[in-house]
Amino acid sequence: MKHILLITTGGTIASAQGENGLTPAIESDRLLSHVPEIAEICRISTVQLYSLDSTNMKPEYWLNIARHIRKVYDDYDGFVITHGTDTMAYASSMLHYLIQNSPKPIVLTGAQLPIELRDTDARENLTDAFLYAVNDTACGINIVFGGKIIAATRAQKTRTKSFNAFSSIDYPDIGFIRSGTVKFYIQNHIVGPVRFYDKIDPSVIVIKLIPGMSADIFDFVAKRYHAVIIESFGVGGLPYYDNDEFAEKIEFLIEHGVRIVITTQVPHEGSDMSVYQVGLRIKQKYEIPEAYDMTTEAVVAKVMWTLPQCTTAAEFKSIFLTPIGNDRI
């Protein structure tokens, strides 16, 4: 019988109603008491690292989760992490870069309703997560939610209330779980030994462009952040409202050592800055990397992971554009 470690961090799945709304209050053993059938498929150990609404999650908390998994990695056959849904896609993406080539499954799950409610999705999601974790084919970092198995860097929360909260963006689901059976559409292949990383730089900001926006915002960015991800329009580009204000600010950021990535605010099909003049002229002049079909959550995590590994803009671009697993096609 496989031995799985349950790591709990709070979230809706572990919440109870209080005077000021739902708040995490249920500890790991009490969480498991609502799904006693899981004990029939594996041995379970538990550790509660946090008890947080995932709105209050920080990158250093995800780094601590990865460090804990590294410390006990040899003691377990797999890992299940319960996490709030609001930032789960950021968490899964960060773990994808911090723990690479894991032959053991590391699966994140949560719920849209607390586990102690009658009509919750929590019990099914938690059971499915363990069913995936004990499967002999399972490996790497994935989200299991609403009966779907989704690659860590492809998941995005696309619904705020429905039980099918997560979608896989521009990439097929890894598989699905129905009636206790795990089925795979895609077989993940692990190449090389597991690799752990223990450094990130959270000094990253996302700027979403809106029509008529002033480029002055980048003066603030240059003073406070080491990298900026610009969510541009369509396939990617920066406006030039009869002047070169945005181009000048890009040059200003580069001179101040701020790393820049251009992505799109459109959910599907990704960026391609070479299509229009507003993108091509910036890409050619400044050689700025673009995110292509990566999700914003994955871009944020990858930039935070990339920053400590480089000292020059060229190194940053090279590392960022190198695919890691299925983070981009």
Protein backbone atom coordinates (compact mmCIF):
# COMPACT_ATOMS: atom_id res chain seq x y z
CA MET A 1 0.00 0.00 0.00
CA LYS A 2 1.43 3.37 -1.02
CA HIS A 3 2.25 6.02 1.54
CA ILE A 4 0.95 9.52 0.68
CA LEU A 5 1.63 12.75 2.55
CA LEU A 6 -1.28 15.17 2.82
CA ILE A 7 -0.07 18.77 3.12
CA THR A 8 -2.82 21.18 4.13
CA THR A 9 -2.62 24.94 3.74
CA GLY A 10 -6.18 26.11 4.39
CA GLY A 11 -8.49 27.35 1.63
CA THR A 12 -12.24 26.96 1.18
CA ILE A 13 -12.01 23.18 1.50
CA ALA A 14 -10.94 23.63 5.14
CA SER A 15 -13.14 26.63 5.94
CA ALA A 16 -15.99 27.11 8.37
CA GLN A 17 -18.52 29.90 8.72
CA GLY A 18 -17.51 32.62 11.15
CA GLU A 19 -18.81 36.04 12.11
CA ASN A 20 -17.03 37.64 9.16
CA GLY A 21 -17.64 34.96 6.54
CA LEU A 22 -15.79 31.78 5.62
CA THR A 23 -12.33 31.34 7.08
CA PRO A 24 -9.95 28.33 7.24
CA ALA A 25 -10.55 26.49 10.51
CA ILE A 26 -10.44 22.73 9.83
CA GLU A 27 -7.22 20.85 10.57
CA SER A 28 -5.86 18.04 8.41
CA ASP A 29 -7.08 15.08 10.50
CA ARG A 30 -10.58 16.53 10.69
CA LEU A 31 -10.47 17.09 6.93
CA LEU A 32 -9.67 13.43 6.35
CA SER A 33 -12.43 12.28 8.71
CA HIS A 34 -14.96 13.31 6.05
CA VAL A 35 -13.49 10.87 3.51
CA PRO A 36 -12.67 7.73 5.56
CA GLU A 37 -12.67 5.59 2.40
CA ILE A 38 -9.31 7.08 1.39
CA ALA A 39 -7.67 5.04 4.15
CA GLU A 40 -8.59 1.92 2.15
CA ILE A 41 -6.41 2.88 -0.83
CA CYS A 42 -3.24 4.16 0.87
CA ARG A 43 -1.46 4.94 4.10
CA ILE A 44 -1.75 8.64 4.92
CA SER A 45 0.42 10.97 6.94
CA THR A 46 -0.49 14.61 7.39
CA VAL A 47 1.19 17.93 7.99
CA GLN A 48 -0.52 21.29 8.26
CA LEU A 49 1.87 23.96 7.00
CA TYR A 50 -0.65 26.80 6.86
CA SER A 51 -4.27 27.65 7.58
CA LEU A 52 -4.83 30.50 5.15
CA ASP A 53 -7.35 31.86 2.73
CA SER A 54 -5.34 31.53 -0.49
CA THR A 55 -5.83 35.26 -1.10
CA ASN A 56 -3.25 35.61 1.69
CA MET A 57 -0.75 33.21 0.13
CA LYS A 58 2.71 34.55 -0.72
CA PRO A 59 5.46 33.15 -2.98
CA GLU A 60 7.65 32.40 0.04
CA TYR A 61 4.91 30.10 1.38
CA TRP A 62 5.01 28.06 -1.83
CA LEU A 63 8.78 27.97 -1.54
CA ASN A 64 8.38 26.56 1.96
CA ILE A 65 6.00 23.87 0.66
CA ALA A 66 8.63 22.84 -1.90
CA ARG A 67 11.33 22.80 0.77
CA HIS A 68 9.20 20.59 3.00
CA ILE A 69 8.56 18.15 0.15
CA ARG A 70 12.29 18.06 -0.57
CA LYS A 71 13.04 17.27 3.07
CA VAL A 72 10.68 14.27 3.19
CA TYR A 73 10.68 13.32 -0.50
CA ASP A 74 12.23 9.88 0.01
CA ASP A 75 9.74 8.94 2.74
CA TYR A 76 6.58 8.99 0.60
CA ASP A 77 5.23 7.69 -2.69
CA GLY A 78 3.30 10.84 -3.48
CA PHE A 79 1.98 14.13 -2.13
CA VAL A 80 -1.47 15.74 -1.99
CA ILE A 81 -1.67 19.47 -1.23
CA THR A 82 -4.95 21.12 -0.30
CA HIS A 83 -4.96 24.77 -1.27
CA GLY A 84 -7.43 27.59 -1.81
CA THR A 85 -8.68 27.88 -5.38
CA ASP A 86 -8.12 31.60 -5.87
CA THR A 87 -4.33 31.29 -6.15
CA MET A 88 -4.00 27.57 -6.78
CA ALA A 89 -2.88 28.05 -10.40
CA TYR A 90 -0.05 30.29 -9.17
CA ALA A 91 0.88 27.67 -6.56
CA SER A 92 0.93 24.78 -9.02
CA SER A 93 2.99 26.80 -11.49
CA MET A 94 5.52 27.76 -8.82
CA LEU A 95 5.88 24.16 -7.67
CA HIS A 96 6.36 23.11 -11.32
CA TYR A 97 9.54 25.21 -11.45
CA LEU A 98 10.74 24.49 -7.92
CA ILE A 99 10.33 20.69 -8.22
CA GLN A 100 11.23 19.45 -11.70
CA ASN A 101 11.20 15.92 -13.13
CA SER A 102 9.46 14.38 -10.14
CA PRO A 103 8.67 10.71 -10.78
CA LYS A 104 6.38 10.91 -7.77
CA PRO A 105 3.02 12.67 -8.13
CA ILE A 106 2.52 16.02 -6.42
CA VAL A 107 -1.14 16.96 -6.76
CA LEU A 108 -3.00 20.07 -5.69
CA THR A 109 -6.70 20.16 -4.98
CA GLY A 110 -9.28 22.19 -3.12
CA ALA A 111 -12.97 22.99 -3.29
CA GLN A 112 -15.52 25.64 -4.08
CA LEU A 113 -17.47 24.81 -0.91
CA PRO A 114 -16.24 23.74 2.55
CA ILE A 115 -15.93 20.01 3.18
CA GLU A 116 -18.44 20.06 6.05
CA LEU A 117 -21.31 21.27 3.86
CA ARG A 118 -23.71 18.66 2.53
CA ASP A 119 -23.58 19.58 -1.16
CA THR A 120 -19.86 20.28 -1.38
CA ASP A 121 -17.40 19.29 -4.09
CA ALA A 122 -14.65 18.92 -1.47
CA ARG A 123 -15.05 15.22 -0.68
CA GLU A 124 -14.97 14.17 -4.31
CA ASN A 125 -12.00 16.39 -5.13
CA LEU A 126 -10.00 15.15 -2.15
CA THR A 127 -10.79 11.51 -2.94
CA ASP A 128 -9.87 12.01 -6.60
CA ALA A 129 -6.59 13.62 -5.61
CA PHE A 130 -5.61 10.55 -3.62
CA LEU A 131 -6.77 8.21 -6.38
CA TYR A 132 -4.45 10.05 -8.74
CA ALA A 133 -1.59 10.12 -6.23
CA VAL A 134 -1.60 6.32 -5.85
CA ASN A 135 -1.84 5.64 -9.59
CA ASP A 136 1.31 3.99 -10.94
CA THR A 137 1.33 6.26 -14.02
CA ALA A 138 0.99 9.53 -12.11
CA CYS A 139 4.01 11.81 -11.87
CA GLY A 140 5.00 15.48 -11.80
CA ILE A 141 2.90 18.42 -10.63
CA ASN A 142 -0.80 18.52 -11.50
CA ILE A 143 -4.11 19.91 -10.30
CA VAL A 144 -6.97 17.47 -9.75
CA PHE A 145 -10.29 19.29 -9.61
CA GLY A 146 -13.83 18.67 -10.81
CA GLY A 147 -12.91 15.23 -12.14
CA LYS A 148 -10.12 16.63 -14.33
CA ILE A 149 -6.34 16.22 -14.17
CA ILE A 150 -4.72 19.44 -15.38
CA ALA A 151 -1.04 20.18 -15.95
CA ALA A 152 0.37 22.54 -13.33
CA THR A 153 1.33 25.38 -15.68
CA ARG A 154 -1.79 25.10 -17.84
CA ALA A 155 -4.41 25.48 -15.14
CA GLN A 156 -6.39 28.65 -14.70
CA LYS A 157 -9.38 29.38 -12.50
CA THR A 158 -12.08 30.37 -14.99
CA ARG A 159 -15.19 30.18 -12.78
CA THR A 160 -15.70 31.75 -9.38
CA LYS A 161 -18.54 29.55 -8.09
CA SER A 162 -19.11 26.48 -10.28
CA PHE A 163 -17.60 23.14 -9.34
CA ASN A 164 -15.76 22.95 -12.69
CA ALA A 165 -13.68 25.93 -11.59
CA PHE A 166 -10.48 25.17 -13.50
CA SER A 167 -9.72 24.95 -17.19
CA SER A 168 -6.63 23.79 -19.02
CA ILE A 169 -5.54 26.68 -21.24
CA ASP A 170 -4.48 25.78 -24.80
CA TYR A 171 -3.42 22.31 -23.70
CA PRO A 172 -5.38 19.06 -23.29
CA ASP A 173 -6.35 17.79 -19.87
CA ILE A 174 -3.87 15.18 -18.69
CA GLY A 175 -6.78 12.89 -17.92
CA PHE A 176 -9.93 12.47 -15.88
CA ILE A 177 -11.30 10.55 -12.90
CA ARG A 178 -14.74 8.94 -12.98
CA SER A 179 -16.28 6.47 -10.55
CA GLY A 180 -12.96 5.84 -8.85
CA THR A 181 -11.06 5.17 -12.07
CA VAL A 182 -8.17 7.29 -13.37
CA LYS A 183 -7.93 7.60 -17.16
CA PHE A 184 -5.14 9.37 -19.03
CA TYR A 185 -5.27 11.29 -22.29
CA ILE A 186 -1.57 12.14 -22.09
CA GLN A 187 1.26 10.12 -20.62
CA ASN A 188 3.82 12.30 -18.87
CA HIS A 189 7.41 11.24 -19.30
CA ILE A 190 10.04 12.10 -16.72
CA VAL A 191 13.54 12.55 -18.10
CA GLY A 192 16.41 12.63 -15.64
CA PRO A 193 16.44 12.78 -11.83
CA VAL A 194 14.18 15.02 -9.75
CA ARG A 195 15.61 18.51 -9.30
CA PHE A 196 14.75 20.90 -6.48
CA TYR A 197 15.28 24.66 -6.48
CA ASP A 198 15.20 26.84 -3.39
CA LYS A 199 15.50 30.41 -4.65
CA ILE A 200 12.94 32.77 -6.12
CA ASP A 201 12.68 36.53 -6.47
CA PRO A 202 9.11 37.72 -5.78
CA SER A 203 9.87 41.30 -6.86
CA VAL A 204 7.64 40.94 -9.91
CA ILE A 205 4.61 42.92 -11.03
CA VAL A 206 1.98 42.41 -13.72
CA ILE A 207 0.78 45.54 -15.56
CA LYS A 208 -2.41 45.18 -17.59
CA LEU A 209 -2.68 47.77 -20.34
CA ILE A 210 -5.94 49.64 -20.91
CA PRO A 211 -6.72 52.03 -23.78
CA GLY A 212 -5.30 55.49 -23.20
CA MET A 213 -3.09 54.39 -20.33
CA SER A 214 -0.09 56.56 -19.49
CA ALA A 215 3.37 55.01 -19.57
CA ASP A 216 4.28 56.86 -16.37
CA ILE A 217 3.38 53.75 -14.38
CA PHE A 218 6.73 52.31 -15.42
CA ASP A 219 8.57 55.02 -13.46
CA PHE A 220 7.11 53.44 -10.33
CA VAL A 221 7.97 49.95 -11.60
CA ALA A 222 11.63 50.88 -12.15
CA LYS A 223 11.95 51.98 -8.52
CA ARG A 224 10.24 49.02 -6.89
CA TYR A 225 10.50 45.85 -8.99
CA HIS A 226 13.08 43.60 -10.62
CA ALA A 227 10.75 42.41 -13.38
CA VAL A 228 7.52 43.47 -15.04
CA ILE A 229 5.10 41.33 -17.04
CA ILE A 230 3.11 43.49 -19.44
CA GLU A 231 -0.32 42.14 -20.35
CA SER A 232 -0.76 43.72 -23.74
CA PHE A 233 -3.66 43.78 -26.18
CA GLY A 234 -4.35 40.98 -28.67
CA VAL A 235 -1.26 39.16 -29.89
CA GLY A 236 0.98 41.68 -28.16
CA GLY A 237 2.25 45.18 -28.64
CA LEU A 238 2.68 48.54 -26.97
CA PRO A 239 0.74 51.63 -28.00
CA TYR A 240 2.43 54.71 -29.42
CA TYR A 241 -0.18 57.45 -29.24
CA ASP A 242 1.59 59.62 -31.86
CA ASN A 243 4.64 59.57 -29.63
CA ASP A 244 7.24 57.09 -28.36
CA GLU A 245 6.31 57.34 -24.69
CA PHE A 246 5.96 53.59 -24.15
CA ALA A 247 9.11 52.77 -26.12
CA GLU A 248 11.05 55.33 -24.11
CA LYS A 249 9.81 53.82 -20.86
CA ILE A 250 10.81 50.34 -22.04
CA GLU A 251 14.31 51.66 -22.65
CA PHE A 252 14.21 53.32 -19.22
CA LEU A 253 13.30 50.01 -17.56
CA ILE A 254 16.07 48.17 -19.39
CA GLU A 255 18.62 50.81 -18.34
CA HIS A 256 17.54 50.27 -14.72
CA GLY A 257 18.01 46.48 -15.00
CA VAL A 258 14.32 45.62 -14.90
CA ARG A 259 13.52 42.41 -16.80
CA ILE A 260 10.49 42.60 -19.10
CA VAL A 261 8.16 39.96 -20.51
CA ILE A 262 5.29 40.73 -22.89
CA THR A 263 2.20 38.56 -22.72
CA THR A 264 -1.41 38.93 -23.80
CA GLN A 265 -4.51 39.59 -21.73
CA VAL A 266 -6.48 37.31 -24.09
CA PRO A 267 -6.99 33.89 -22.43
CA HIS A 268 -6.44 31.68 -25.47
CA GLU A 269 -4.00 31.22 -28.38
CA GLY A 270 -1.15 33.29 -26.95
CA SER A 271 1.00 36.17 -28.12
CA ASP A 272 2.85 36.80 -31.38
CA MET A 273 4.49 40.20 -31.39
CA SER A 274 5.72 39.79 -34.97
CA VAL A 275 2.21 40.23 -36.46
CA TYR A 276 1.60 43.96 -36.00
CA GLN A 277 3.83 47.00 -36.14
CA VAL A 278 2.98 47.90 -32.52
CA GLY A 279 4.59 44.63 -31.42
CA LEU A 280 7.27 43.97 -34.01
CA ARG A 281 9.07 47.29 -33.61
CA ILE A 282 9.38 46.80 -29.84
CA LYS A 283 10.45 43.17 -30.14
CA GLN A 284 13.10 43.88 -32.74
CA LYS A 285 14.56 46.98 -31.09
CA TYR A 286 14.73 45.69 -27.53
CA GLU A 287 14.72 41.89 -27.97
CA ILE A 288 12.11 41.52 -25.24
CA PRO A 289 10.94 37.95 -24.56
CA GLU A 290 7.24 37.20 -24.97
CA ALA A 291 5.18 34.56 -23.24
CA TYR A 292 3.54 33.00 -26.32
CA ASP A 293 0.87 30.55 -25.09
CA MET A 294 1.83 30.52 -21.40
CA THR A 295 -0.77 31.44 -18.81
CA THR A 296 -0.15 34.60 -16.81
CA GLU A 297 0.10 32.49 -13.66
CA ALA A 298 2.86 30.39 -15.21
CA VAL A 299 4.66 33.49 -16.49
CA VAL A 300 4.66 35.03 -13.02
CA ALA A 301 6.06 31.87 -11.44
CA LYS A 302 8.68 31.34 -14.14
CA VAL A 303 9.91 34.92 -13.94
CA MET A 304 10.25 34.66 -10.14
CA TRP A 305 12.16 31.40 -10.59
CA THR A 306 14.34 32.73 -13.42
CA LEU A 307 15.50 35.99 -11.81
CA PRO A 308 17.91 34.47 -9.23
CA GLN A 309 19.59 32.39 -11.94
CA CYS A 310 20.74 35.23 -14.18
CA THR A 311 22.80 38.39 -14.10
CA THR A 312 22.17 39.75 -17.61
CA ALA A 313 19.13 40.41 -19.77
CA ALA A 314 20.41 37.87 -22.31
CA GLU A 315 20.64 35.16 -19.65
CA PHE A 316 17.17 36.01 -18.41
CA LYS A 317 15.72 35.77 -21.92
CA SER A 318 17.46 32.47 -22.62
CA ILE A 319 16.31 30.80 -19.41
CA PHE A 320 12.78 32.17 -19.61
CA LEU A 321 12.27 31.06 -23.22
CA THR A 322 13.54 27.52 -22.59
CA PRO A 323 10.46 25.28 -22.21
CA ILE A 324 10.22 23.40 -18.94
CA GLY A 325 7.87 20.48 -19.17
CA ASN A 326 4.67 21.57 -20.88
CA ASP A 327 4.70 25.22 -19.77
CA ARG A 328 4.58 26.31 -23.39
CA ILE A 329 4.37 24.67 -26.80
